Protein backbone atom coordinates (compact mmCIF):
# COMPACT_ATOMS: atom_id res chain seq x y z
CA MET A 1 -4.80 9.08 4.45
CA GLN A 2 -5.76 12.27 2.86
CA VAL A 3 -7.17 12.85 -0.83
CA GLU A 4 -8.04 15.84 -2.76
CA VAL A 5 -10.53 16.43 -5.31
CA ALA A 6 -12.33 19.13 -7.93
CA ALA A 7 -15.01 20.24 -6.35
CA GLU A 8 -16.98 23.98 -6.86
CA VAL A 9 -17.17 24.87 -3.53
CA LYS A 10 -20.25 27.69 -2.65
CA GLN A 11 -19.25 27.67 1.17
CA GLY A 12 -16.18 26.38 2.76
CA GLY A 13 -17.51 24.36 5.55
CA GLN A 14 -16.04 21.49 7.85
CA LEU A 15 -17.83 18.06 8.98
CA THR A 16 -16.99 14.26 9.88
CA LEU A 17 -18.91 11.86 8.39
CA PRO A 18 -19.24 8.34 8.59
CA ALA A 19 -16.54 6.52 6.58
CA ARG A 20 -19.08 2.95 6.06
CA ILE A 21 -22.17 5.40 5.59
CA LEU A 22 -20.64 7.78 3.11
CA GLY A 23 -18.95 4.80 1.17
CA GLU A 24 -22.40 2.70 0.14
CA ILE A 25 -23.97 5.67 -0.27
CA VAL A 26 -20.97 7.08 -3.14
CA GLY A 27 -20.50 4.14 -4.23
CA ASN A 28 -23.83 3.14 -5.48
CA LEU A 29 -24.61 6.37 -7.66
CA PRO A 30 -24.81 6.65 -10.69
CA PRO A 31 -21.61 9.02 -12.49
CA ALA A 32 -23.48 12.22 -12.44
CA THR A 33 -22.56 14.98 -9.96
CA VAL A 34 -23.04 14.53 -6.07
CA GLU A 35 -24.26 17.64 -3.90
CA ILE A 36 -23.90 17.92 -0.15
CA LYS A 37 -24.95 20.65 2.30
CA ALA A 38 -25.02 21.00 5.79
CA GLN A 39 -25.71 23.60 7.84
CA GLU A 40 -23.16 25.77 9.41
CA GLY A 41 -21.93 24.11 12.97
CA GLY A 42 -24.60 21.26 12.38
CA PRO A 43 -23.71 17.81 12.50
CA GLN A 44 -26.13 16.12 9.15
CA ALA A 45 -25.31 16.68 6.31
CA GLU A 46 -27.43 16.17 2.83
CA ILE A 47 -26.24 13.68 0.07
CA SER A 48 -28.01 14.67 -3.04
CA CYS A 49 -27.13 13.05 -6.84
CA GLU A 50 -30.13 13.44 -9.44
CA ALA A 51 -32.88 11.53 -7.90
CA SER A 52 -30.94 10.05 -4.75
CA ASN A 53 -31.24 11.70 -1.49
CA PHE A 54 -29.91 11.19 1.81
CA GLU A 55 -29.24 12.29 4.64
CA ILE A 56 -26.40 11.18 7.16
CA LEU A 57 -25.83 12.23 11.36
CA GLY A 58 -22.30 13.35 11.04
CA LEU A 59 -19.56 14.40 13.83
CA PRO A 60 -17.43 17.86 14.56
CA ALA A 61 -14.30 18.53 12.42
CA GLY A 62 -13.07 18.81 15.70
CA ASP A 63 -13.72 15.67 16.34
CA PHE A 64 -11.53 13.85 13.92
CA PRO A 65 -7.31 13.26 15.02
CA THR A 66 -5.41 15.55 13.79
CA LEU A 67 -3.24 15.07 10.95
CA PRO A 68 0.58 15.51 11.17
CA ARG A 69 2.54 18.70 9.33
CA ALA A 70 2.15 18.00 5.52
CA ASP A 71 6.14 19.20 5.52
CA ALA A 72 7.52 16.28 5.75
CA GLU A 73 11.57 15.54 4.81
CA ALA A 74 11.20 14.96 1.12
CA ILE A 75 13.46 11.51 1.03
CA GLY A 76 12.69 9.96 -2.03
CA GLU A 77 11.04 9.01 -5.59
CA ILE A 78 9.53 5.82 -6.97
CA ASP A 79 6.37 5.34 -9.47
CA ALA A 80 3.32 4.39 -8.98
CA ASP A 81 2.83 1.44 -10.51
CA VAL A 82 6.47 0.04 -9.82
CA MET A 83 5.35 0.55 -5.70
CA ARG A 84 1.63 -1.14 -5.71
CA MET A 85 4.00 -3.97 -7.54
CA MET A 86 6.69 -3.60 -5.05
CA VAL A 87 3.68 -3.99 -2.43
CA ASN A 88 1.88 -6.95 -4.11
CA GLN A 89 5.10 -9.69 -3.80
CA THR A 90 5.51 -8.97 -0.29
CA ILE A 91 2.79 -8.40 1.85
CA PHE A 92 1.61 -11.64 1.60
CA ALA A 93 5.01 -12.26 3.78
CA VAL A 94 4.19 -10.36 6.20
CA SER A 95 3.73 -11.96 10.31
CA ALA A 96 0.11 -11.93 11.92
CA ASP A 97 2.13 -12.89 15.28
CA GLU A 98 1.69 -9.82 17.39
CA THR A 99 4.38 -10.64 19.86
CA ARG A 100 7.19 -10.03 17.43
CA PRO A 101 5.31 -6.45 15.74
CA PHE A 102 8.42 -5.94 13.87
CA LEU A 103 7.70 -8.67 12.18
CA THR A 104 4.12 -7.58 11.26
CA GLY A 105 5.27 -5.12 8.73
CA VAL A 106 6.85 -4.06 5.20
CA TYR A 107 10.36 -2.79 5.33
CA VAL A 108 11.14 -0.32 3.38
CA ALA A 109 14.98 0.80 2.73
CA LEU A 110 16.65 3.69 0.99
CA ASP A 111 19.71 3.32 -0.38
CA GLY A 112 21.34 5.43 -2.76
CA ALA A 113 19.65 4.37 -5.66
CA GLU A 114 18.20 1.65 -4.77
CA ALA A 115 14.34 0.80 -3.03
CA LYS A 116 14.46 -2.09 -1.40
CA PHE A 117 10.69 -3.47 0.33
CA VAL A 118 10.87 -6.50 2.63
CA ALA A 119 8.31 -8.41 4.64
CA THR A 120 9.01 -12.19 6.28
CA ASP A 121 6.85 -14.39 8.73
CA GLY A 122 9.61 -16.12 9.87
CA GLY A 123 9.38 -19.31 7.05
CA ARG A 124 8.40 -16.79 4.20
CA LEU A 125 10.68 -14.05 2.88
CA ALA A 126 9.83 -11.83 0.04
CA LEU A 127 12.34 -8.99 -1.45
CA ARG A 128 11.36 -7.19 -4.13
CA LYS A 129 14.79 -4.53 -4.80
CA VAL A 130 14.44 -1.85 -7.96
CA GLN A 131 16.46 0.99 -9.38
CA LEU A 132 15.50 4.94 -7.85
CA PRO A 133 15.11 7.08 -10.71
CA GLN A 134 17.27 9.58 -8.66
CA ALA A 135 19.50 8.93 -5.65
CA ALA A 136 17.67 8.95 -2.41
CA ARG A 137 18.65 11.58 -0.19
CA GLN A 138 18.98 9.88 2.95
CA LYS A 139 19.15 6.03 3.45
CA VAL A 140 15.77 5.13 5.31
CA GLY A 141 15.07 1.82 6.86
CA VAL A 142 12.17 1.90 8.33
CA ILE A 143 8.96 -0.75 8.96
CA VAL A 144 5.68 0.57 7.86
CA PRO A 145 2.41 -1.03 9.34
CA ALA A 146 0.99 -4.01 7.05
CA LYS A 147 -2.31 -2.45 6.71
CA ALA A 148 -1.43 0.60 5.83
CA MET A 149 0.93 -0.97 2.93
CA GLN A 150 -2.68 -2.64 1.68
CA GLU A 151 -4.68 0.66 1.93
CA LEU A 152 -1.57 2.53 -0.10
CA GLY A 153 -1.82 -0.31 -2.68
CA ARG A 154 -4.92 0.08 -3.00
CA ALA A 155 -4.60 3.69 -3.72
CA LEU A 156 -2.30 3.62 -6.07
CA ALA A 157 -4.61 1.76 -8.29
CA GLY A 158 -5.00 3.67 -12.14
CA VAL A 159 -2.74 6.14 -10.28
CA GLU A 160 0.14 7.67 -12.81
CA GLY A 161 3.33 8.89 -11.50
CA ARG A 162 5.87 8.86 -8.59
CA VAL A 163 5.48 8.59 -5.09
CA GLN A 164 7.24 10.85 -3.16
CA LEU A 165 8.40 9.81 0.12
CA GLY A 166 8.94 11.80 3.04
CA MET A 167 9.30 11.26 7.29
CA ALA A 168 8.05 13.13 9.61
CA GLU A 169 7.47 13.07 13.21
CA ASN A 170 8.82 9.22 13.39
CA GLN A 171 5.84 8.87 10.12
CA LEU A 172 6.78 7.63 5.96
CA VAL A 173 4.58 10.15 4.20
CA PHE A 174 3.93 9.03 0.62
CA THR A 175 2.35 11.45 -2.14
CA VAL A 176 1.34 12.03 -4.98
CA PRO A 177 -0.64 14.60 -6.61
CA GLY A 178 -4.17 14.79 -5.09
CA LEU A 179 -3.77 11.43 -2.15
CA ARG A 180 -1.57 11.74 0.88
CA VAL A 181 -0.34 8.47 3.33
CA TYR A 182 -0.07 9.17 6.30
CA SER A 183 1.85 5.99 8.00
CA ARG A 184 3.04 5.16 12.07
CA LEU A 185 6.98 3.23 12.17
CA ILE A 186 7.01 0.36 13.96
CA SER A 187 9.47 0.49 16.71
CA GLY A 188 12.53 -2.21 16.60
CA GLN A 189 14.85 -3.54 15.61
CA PHE A 190 13.88 -5.65 11.48
CA PRO A 191 15.63 -9.10 10.67
CA ASN A 192 19.54 -9.45 9.29
CA TYR A 193 17.89 -10.35 6.49
CA GLN A 194 19.87 -11.02 3.67
CA GLN A 195 21.95 -13.42 6.43
CA VAL A 196 19.47 -16.19 5.54
CA ILE A 197 19.88 -15.47 2.15
CA PRO A 198 21.78 -17.99 -0.19
CA GLN A 199 24.99 -15.89 -2.12
CA GLU A 200 25.51 -19.46 -4.00
CA PHE A 201 23.83 -21.89 -5.85
CA LYS A 202 24.55 -25.37 -6.98
CA GLN A 203 21.88 -25.20 -9.59
CA ARG A 204 19.71 -22.69 -11.34
CA ILE A 205 16.15 -23.50 -12.56
CA ARG A 206 14.10 -20.65 -15.12
CA VAL A 207 10.66 -21.60 -15.41
CA GLN A 208 7.67 -18.79 -16.66
CA THR A 209 6.27 -16.61 -14.61
CA ASP A 210 2.08 -17.52 -16.14
CA CYS A 211 3.26 -21.50 -15.89
CA CYS A 212 4.31 -21.54 -12.55
CA ALA A 213 2.36 -19.52 -10.71
CA ARG A 214 -1.04 -21.58 -12.45
CA CYS A 215 0.85 -24.50 -11.05
CA ALA A 216 2.10 -23.68 -7.58
CA ALA A 217 -2.17 -22.56 -7.48
CA ARG A 218 -3.79 -25.65 -7.83
CA PRO A 219 -3.99 -27.55 -4.81
CA LEU A 220 -1.31 -30.73 -4.64
CA ARG A 221 -3.23 -33.78 -4.36
CA ARG A 222 -1.17 -37.37 -3.64
CA GLY A 223 -1.33 -39.75 -7.53
CA THR A 224 -1.22 -36.35 -9.70
CA PRO A 225 2.41 -36.52 -10.35
CA ARG A 226 1.65 -34.96 -13.67
CA MET A 227 -0.01 -31.77 -12.28
CA TRP A 228 3.87 -29.84 -12.72
CA SER A 229 4.88 -31.39 -16.02
CA GLY A 230 4.45 -28.31 -18.09
CA CYS A 231 6.41 -26.23 -15.22
CA GLN A 232 9.35 -29.43 -16.24
CA ARG A 233 9.29 -29.60 -19.76
CA ARG A 234 9.79 -25.88 -19.76
CA ALA A 235 12.32 -25.73 -16.59
CA ARG A 236 16.07 -25.31 -17.64
CA SER A 237 19.46 -24.99 -16.02
CA LEU A 238 21.81 -22.05 -16.36
CA PRO A 239 24.61 -22.41 -15.97
């Protein structure tokens, strides 16, 4: 993940700092200007904000893994809030079984003016489809690791605009102004999920989303048959 923020740079430089320690320090600082100082070529950095001062021992910038090339081939765009919603509505169905790695990620498919996110663990299947603001430049179907999708969902919180998807060196790249998320792809063939989705239904039932979510979140206890009564009263059969 690569993030860019506005800053007043007095002298350029590079340094690798431990993420956990840096996150704890910055997360507890007041909403004020943060100043970072480091000696050229040295592993130590000084962070100051108002009355707070910290010294962190880091590593040379050369020890940080090389980022993939930024010239990813653009394949399509999705609104940031829509993509975050798609991640949240599919990530829960990803499998944790490492013996079947092709199920440990979200299947991302772009075809024409439609985008699909699919996840399954063999017992559950989540499919989210949306219409793209513009048709995809090429047809794509790749499996993105669940952890990368979770981090992407968090990073897109509060982000406006469109997320550009691109392919580069067997990686999928998500880009918005100031943020770029790189993810390796999982090799393997994602199951043909369309075969298990019924094409016809004998009956359709419509319930209010918030009511159904509240009922599903409650523990099912023996002897409490009225727990679903609120949803049952509001449900109605569709033609």
